Protein backbone atom coordinates (compact mmCIF):
# COMPACT_ATOMS: atom_id res chain seq x y z
CA MET A 1 0.00 0.00 0.00
CA ALA A 2 2.76 2.44 0.95
CA ARG A 3 4.40 2.04 -2.48
CA GLN A 4 1.24 3.32 -4.16
CA LEU A 5 1.41 6.64 -2.36
CA PRO A 6 3.24 9.61 -3.87
CA ASP A 7 6.74 10.00 -2.46
CA GLU A 8 5.93 13.46 -1.10
CA LEU A 9 2.99 12.09 0.88
CA ARG A 10 5.00 9.17 2.23
CA ASP A 11 7.70 11.58 3.41
CA LEU A 12 5.05 13.77 5.02
CA LEU A 13 3.53 10.82 6.89
CA ALA A 14 6.93 9.62 8.07
CA GLY A 15 7.69 13.00 9.61
CA GLN A 16 4.26 13.50 11.22
CA CYS A 17 3.60 10.13 12.88
CA GLY A 18 1.26 9.07 10.07
CA VAL A 19 -1.00 12.13 10.37
CA PHE A 20 -1.67 14.69 7.64
CA ALA A 21 -4.03 17.51 6.73
CA ARG A 22 -5.98 17.99 3.52
CA TRP A 23 -4.36 21.39 3.03
CA GLN A 24 -0.97 19.66 3.03
CA ALA A 25 -2.17 17.04 0.53
CA ASN A 26 -3.49 19.80 -1.74
CA ALA A 27 -0.12 21.57 -1.61
CA ILE A 28 1.63 18.49 -3.01
CA ALA A 29 -1.18 17.69 -5.47
CA VAL A 30 -2.29 14.38 -3.94
CA ASP A 31 -5.28 12.90 -5.77
CA ARG A 32 -8.41 13.54 -3.71
CA GLY A 33 -9.85 10.26 -4.92
CA LEU A 34 -6.98 8.38 -3.29
CA ILE A 35 -7.76 9.98 0.08
CA SER A 36 -11.50 9.37 -0.25
CA ALA A 37 -10.97 5.73 -1.22
CA ARG A 38 -8.72 4.99 1.74
CA LEU A 39 -11.11 6.70 4.14
CA ALA A 40 -14.08 4.78 2.70
CA SER A 41 -12.24 1.47 3.01
CA GLY A 42 -11.37 2.09 6.65
CA ARG A 43 -7.64 1.95 6.02
CA TRP A 44 -7.41 5.65 6.90
CA ARG A 45 -9.58 7.61 9.31
CA ARG A 46 -10.68 11.14 10.02
CA LEU A 47 -9.38 12.71 13.24
CA TYR A 48 -10.63 16.29 12.85
CA GLN A 49 -12.25 18.13 9.99
CA GLY A 50 -9.64 17.99 7.24
CA VAL A 51 -7.13 16.00 9.32
CA TYR A 52 -6.55 12.26 8.85
CA ALA A 53 -4.54 9.33 10.17
CA ALA A 54 -3.07 7.05 7.51
CA PHE A 55 -3.41 4.03 9.82
CA THR A 56 -5.88 2.29 12.11
CA GLY A 57 -5.52 1.77 15.85
CA ASP A 58 -4.80 4.09 18.73
CA LEU A 59 -2.88 7.32 18.32
CA CYS A 60 0.35 7.82 20.22
CA ARG A 61 0.73 11.12 22.06
CA GLU A 62 2.90 12.62 19.33
CA ALA A 63 0.29 11.77 16.70
CA GLU A 64 -2.42 13.40 18.86
CA VAL A 65 -0.31 16.55 19.07
CA TRP A 66 0.35 16.61 15.33
CA ALA A 67 -3.35 16.17 14.59
CA ALA A 68 -4.34 19.12 16.81
CA LEU A 69 -1.59 21.29 15.34
CA LEU A 70 -2.61 20.51 11.75
CA ARG A 71 -6.26 21.22 12.59
CA ALA A 72 -5.22 24.68 13.72
CA GLY A 73 -3.82 25.51 10.28
CA PRO A 74 -0.58 26.08 8.36
CA GLN A 75 0.64 28.98 10.50
CA ALA A 76 -0.12 27.41 13.88
CA VAL A 77 2.52 26.41 16.42
CA LEU A 78 2.39 24.37 19.60
CA SER A 79 2.64 26.61 22.64
CA HIS A 80 2.15 26.96 26.39
CA GLN A 81 1.81 23.64 28.28
CA THR A 82 2.05 21.54 25.12
CA ALA A 83 5.26 23.19 23.91
CA ALA A 84 6.67 22.74 27.42
CA GLU A 85 5.69 19.07 27.28
CA ILE A 86 7.39 18.53 23.92
CA ASP A 87 10.54 20.32 25.09
CA GLY A 88 10.56 18.34 28.34
CA PHE A 89 10.11 20.81 31.19
CA THR A 90 6.63 20.06 32.46
CA ALA A 91 5.80 17.31 34.92
CA ARG A 92 2.91 15.73 33.01
CA PRO A 93 1.10 16.14 29.69
CA SER A 94 -1.76 18.60 29.62
CA ARG A 95 -5.19 17.12 28.98
CA LEU A 96 -5.75 19.90 26.45
CA ILE A 97 -3.44 20.61 23.52
CA HIS A 98 -2.36 24.25 23.30
CA VAL A 99 -1.65 25.95 19.99
CA THR A 100 -1.03 29.55 19.00
CA VAL A 101 -2.37 30.99 15.74
CA PRO A 102 -1.99 34.43 14.11
CA LEU A 103 -4.01 37.19 15.71
CA GLY A 104 -6.37 37.61 12.76
CA GLN A 105 -7.06 33.92 12.17
CA HIS A 106 -10.56 32.69 12.88
CA MET A 107 -10.73 29.22 14.37
CA VAL A 108 -13.88 27.49 15.51
CA ARG A 109 -13.85 25.94 18.96
CA VAL A 110 -12.55 22.37 18.76
CA PRO A 111 -12.89 20.02 21.76
CA GLY A 112 -9.50 19.20 23.25
CA ILE A 113 -7.69 22.13 21.63
CA VAL A 114 -6.98 25.51 23.23
CA ALA A 115 -6.20 28.17 20.63
CA HIS A 116 -4.23 31.27 21.66
CA ARG A 117 -3.84 34.22 19.32
CA SER A 118 -0.69 36.27 18.90
CA SER A 119 0.46 39.16 16.73
CA ARG A 120 4.10 38.07 17.08
CA ILE A 121 3.83 34.41 16.13
CA GLU A 122 6.65 34.64 13.57
CA VAL A 123 9.00 35.97 16.25
CA ALA A 124 7.89 33.35 18.76
CA ARG A 125 8.11 30.36 16.38
CA HIS A 126 11.22 28.20 16.62
CA PRO A 127 12.82 28.24 13.16
CA LEU A 128 13.79 24.54 13.00
CA ARG A 129 12.13 22.25 15.50
CA THR A 130 9.26 19.95 14.65
CA PRO A 131 6.48 19.72 15.44
CA PRO A 132 6.43 23.52 14.97
CA ARG A 133 6.40 25.18 18.38
CA THR A 134 7.29 28.37 20.19
CA ARG A 135 10.89 28.94 21.23
CA VAL A 136 11.64 27.77 24.77
CA GLU A 137 11.98 31.37 25.99
CA GLU A 138 8.60 32.29 24.53
CA THR A 139 6.99 29.18 25.99
CA VAL A 140 8.38 29.96 29.44
CA LEU A 141 7.18 33.56 29.34
CA ASP A 142 3.75 32.58 28.03
CA LEU A 143 3.34 30.20 30.97
CA ALA A 144 4.74 32.73 33.44
CA GLN A 145 2.20 35.32 32.25
CA GLN A 146 -0.65 32.90 32.93
CA SER A 147 0.63 31.85 36.37
CA ALA A 148 -1.52 32.52 39.40
CA SER A 149 1.45 33.75 41.46
CA ILE A 150 5.03 34.89 41.06
CA ASP A 151 6.12 31.64 42.73
CA ASP A 152 4.40 29.63 39.99
CA ALA A 153 5.94 31.90 37.35
CA PHE A 154 9.39 31.36 38.84
CA GLY A 155 8.74 27.62 38.80
CA TRP A 156 8.44 27.63 35.00
CA ILE A 157 11.61 29.67 34.65
CA SER A 158 13.63 27.53 37.04
CA ARG A 159 12.51 24.26 35.44
CA ALA A 160 13.52 25.33 31.94
CA CYS A 161 16.87 26.72 33.11
CA GLY A 162 17.46 23.71 35.38
CA LYS A 163 17.21 21.42 32.34
CA CYS A 164 19.66 23.67 30.42
CA LEU A 165 17.02 24.48 27.79
CA THR A 166 17.59 28.22 28.16
CA ARG A 167 19.49 30.74 30.27
CA PRO A 168 18.47 33.87 32.24
CA PRO A 169 20.02 36.32 29.72
CA LEU A 170 18.00 34.75 26.88
CA LEU A 171 14.80 34.93 28.92
CA LEU A 172 15.52 38.55 29.84
CA ALA A 173 16.07 39.46 26.18
CA ALA A 174 12.82 37.72 25.18
CA MET A 175 10.96 39.53 27.95
CA GLN A 176 12.34 42.91 26.85
CA SER A 177 11.10 42.27 23.30
CA ARG A 178 7.50 42.07 24.52
CA GLY A 179 5.42 45.20 24.72
CA LYS A 180 3.27 43.86 27.55
CA MET A 181 4.45 41.41 30.18
CA ARG A 182 2.80 40.48 33.46
CA TRP A 183 5.21 40.22 36.42
CA ARG A 184 7.85 42.14 34.40
CA THR A 185 9.55 43.79 37.40
CA GLU A 186 9.31 40.71 39.61
CA LEU A 187 10.61 38.42 36.86
CA THR A 188 13.54 40.75 36.15
CA PHE A 189 14.63 40.33 39.77
CA ALA A 190 13.86 36.62 39.62
CA LEU A 191 16.09 36.13 36.58
CA ALA A 192 18.95 37.90 38.38
CA ASP A 193 18.42 35.62 41.38
CA LEU A 194 18.33 32.57 39.13
CA ALA A 195 21.63 33.59 37.55
CA ASP A 196 23.00 33.96 41.08
CA GLY A 197 22.13 30.34 41.94
CA VAL A 198 18.54 30.45 43.22
CA LEU A 199 17.25 27.24 41.67
CA SER A 200 13.79 26.45 43.07
CA PRO A 201 10.57 28.26 44.00
CA LEU A 202 11.31 27.60 47.70
CA GLU A 203 14.78 29.12 47.42
CA TYR A 204 13.32 32.08 45.56
CA ARG A 205 10.68 32.60 48.22
CA TYR A 206 13.38 32.51 50.92
CA VAL A 207 15.45 35.16 49.12
CA ARG A 208 12.42 37.35 48.41
CA ASN A 209 10.34 37.03 51.58
CA VAL A 210 12.94 36.25 54.23
CA GLU A 211 16.35 37.58 53.25
CA ARG A 212 15.61 40.60 51.05
CA ALA A 213 12.35 41.66 52.71
CA HIS A 214 13.96 41.80 56.16
CA GLY A 215 17.32 43.34 55.24
CA LEU A 216 19.46 40.27 55.86
CA PRO A 217 22.86 40.20 54.14
CA ALA A 218 22.95 38.39 50.82
CA ALA A 219 24.17 34.82 51.07
CA LYS A 220 26.35 33.02 48.57
CA ARG A 221 24.17 30.53 46.69
CA GLN A 222 24.80 26.89 45.80
CA VAL A 223 28.18 26.61 47.51
CA LEU A 224 30.11 23.46 46.57
CA ILE A 225 30.93 21.27 49.57
CA VAL A 226 33.14 18.19 49.13
CA HIS A 227 32.80 15.66 51.95
CA ALA A 228 34.15 12.10 51.91
CA GLY A 229 34.71 12.38 48.18
CA GLN A 230 31.08 13.42 47.58
CA ARG A 231 30.20 16.72 45.91
CA GLN A 232 27.17 18.46 47.41
CA TYR A 233 25.81 21.98 47.37
CA LEU A 234 24.68 24.20 50.23
CA ASP A 235 21.76 26.43 49.29
CA ASN A 236 22.85 29.55 51.18
CA LEU A 237 26.13 30.36 52.95
CA TYR A 238 26.68 33.49 55.03
CA GLN A 239 30.40 32.79 55.11
CA ALA A 240 31.48 35.84 57.12
CA PHE A 241 29.25 34.67 59.97
CA GLY A 242 29.82 30.92 59.75
CA LEU A 243 26.14 30.33 59.00
CA GLY A 244 24.42 28.25 56.34
CA VAL A 245 20.74 27.94 55.47
CA GLU A 246 19.50 24.80 53.74
CA LEU A 247 16.03 24.74 52.17
CA ASP A 248 14.21 21.44 51.91
CA GLY A 249 11.24 21.49 49.54
CA GLN A 250 10.55 17.75 49.68
CA ALA A 251 8.60 15.99 52.38
CA TYR A 252 10.61 12.84 51.94
CA HIS A 253 14.23 12.12 51.14
CA PRO A 254 15.69 8.67 50.43
CA ALA A 255 17.75 7.43 53.36
CA ALA A 256 21.00 7.65 51.40
CA GLU A 257 20.40 11.32 50.56
CA ARG A 258 19.43 12.10 54.14
CA TRP A 259 22.67 10.60 55.45
CA LYS A 260 24.67 12.54 52.89
CA ASP A 261 23.06 15.75 54.15
CA ILE A 262 23.81 14.81 57.76
CA GLY A 263 27.42 14.01 56.89
CA ARG A 264 27.84 17.32 55.11
CA ASP A 265 26.24 19.29 57.94
CA ASN A 266 28.43 17.56 60.51
CA ALA A 267 31.56 18.30 58.47
CA LEU A 268 30.56 21.95 58.23
CA ALA A 269 29.93 22.06 61.99
CA VAL A 270 33.48 20.82 62.58
CA ASP A 271 34.64 23.79 60.49
CA GLY A 272 32.53 26.12 62.64
CA ILE A 273 29.63 26.58 60.23
CA LEU A 274 26.17 26.22 61.75
CA ILE A 275 23.37 24.98 59.47
CA LEU A 276 19.77 26.12 59.85
CA ARG A 277 17.23 24.11 57.86
CA TYR A 278 13.76 25.23 56.73
CA GLY A 279 10.98 23.85 54.56
CA TRP A 280 7.90 25.19 52.80
CA PRO A 281 5.78 25.69 55.96
CA GLU A 282 8.39 27.88 57.66
CA VAL A 283 9.41 29.95 54.64
CA SER A 284 5.89 30.29 53.23
CA ASP A 285 3.82 30.77 56.38
CA ARG A 286 6.32 32.20 58.89
CA PRO A 287 8.94 34.19 56.93
CA CYS A 288 9.27 36.83 59.65
CA ALA A 289 10.03 34.20 62.30
CA VAL A 290 12.62 32.63 60.00
CA ALA A 291 14.23 36.04 59.42
CA ILE A 292 14.38 36.67 63.18
CA GLN A 293 16.09 33.32 63.72
CA VAL A 294 18.56 33.73 60.87
CA GLY A 295 19.27 37.36 61.77
CA GLY A 296 19.68 36.59 65.47
CA THR A 297 22.10 33.75 64.74
CA ALA A 298 24.08 35.92 62.32
CA ALA A 299 24.20 38.73 64.89
CA ARG A 300 25.65 36.39 67.52
CA ARG A 301 28.30 35.48 64.97
CA GLY A 302 29.35 39.00 64.09
CA TRP A 303 26.69 40.57 61.88
CA CYS A 304 26.35 44.24 62.79
CA GLY A 305 23.27 44.99 60.71
CA ASN A 306 19.64 45.26 61.79
CA LEU A 307 16.57 43.45 60.62
CA ARG A 308 13.83 45.62 59.13
CA ARG A 309 10.11 45.13 59.17
CA CYS A 310 8.67 43.74 55.94
CA GLY A 311 5.23 45.26 56.50
CA PRO A 312 2.64 46.34 59.05
CA GLY A 313 2.16 42.87 60.51
CA CYS A 314 5.84 41.93 60.64
CA LEU A 315 7.11 40.25 63.82
CA VAL A 316 10.45 42.05 63.70
CA THR A 317 10.93 44.56 66.50
CA PRO A 318 12.56 47.80 65.30
CA PRO A 319 15.99 48.50 66.86
């Protein structure tokens, strides 16, 4: 059967997981009778209006994504959660498939597809990757704009950078190219913190709501510690005061990792460095109390500064 298909169509199917659109077939002058005959025989099937699978059986995820993209039209690109999924920096596939189309394009509502419209789709489109999708920087910023909080926005940024898919300077340049950008000021600071070694939403919240909001000195981030031949990193080190702050965003650590942390902390204690450890509940719900503890410990170890109140309800007592 495959030998009877035009070479151009066979190449198209090979590159699109066996899925194609009628507008693509028209562009390479495929006989409409061939398509109709294969659909009528059940050897091919219709997925959306004008979009077909040249096989029977279940669709793999990539074929589902191609089908939705082709339904959206020749100028469409994958974007938002779906582009993040394809590029590998989201935890799980989105139930809906997200595409972006030109601002002036009319697209009827299609179940399972979320269509976004953009006037800068040519700028946002990656020039080479298939399926066509937005550049990683554009995907990250699109998701950050839709986030419910700055912590969620930072999460998208840190995940993409943590997987070495982009870097803070590239994200900053992409953000500056946009006329409108939610969280612009906050994300500018966040990108600077990320470049400085703040890697997770919990670490970012500590820097923003504990350290910076209360006037604590700036710690050195992600300090390499070598203990018993093992390389580990300390989240925050106030080296001048022999004080470290470790942030634990996970409720559970494997026993081996826990013992590595204990060994590192003990080795640092021998060198005169005290480790304070906090998790989400402390940093998120009680940042003022954490600042008082960190500031008080630093003061007993030589810090001459003063904590400042972060707002009207702050627990810090003015000097």
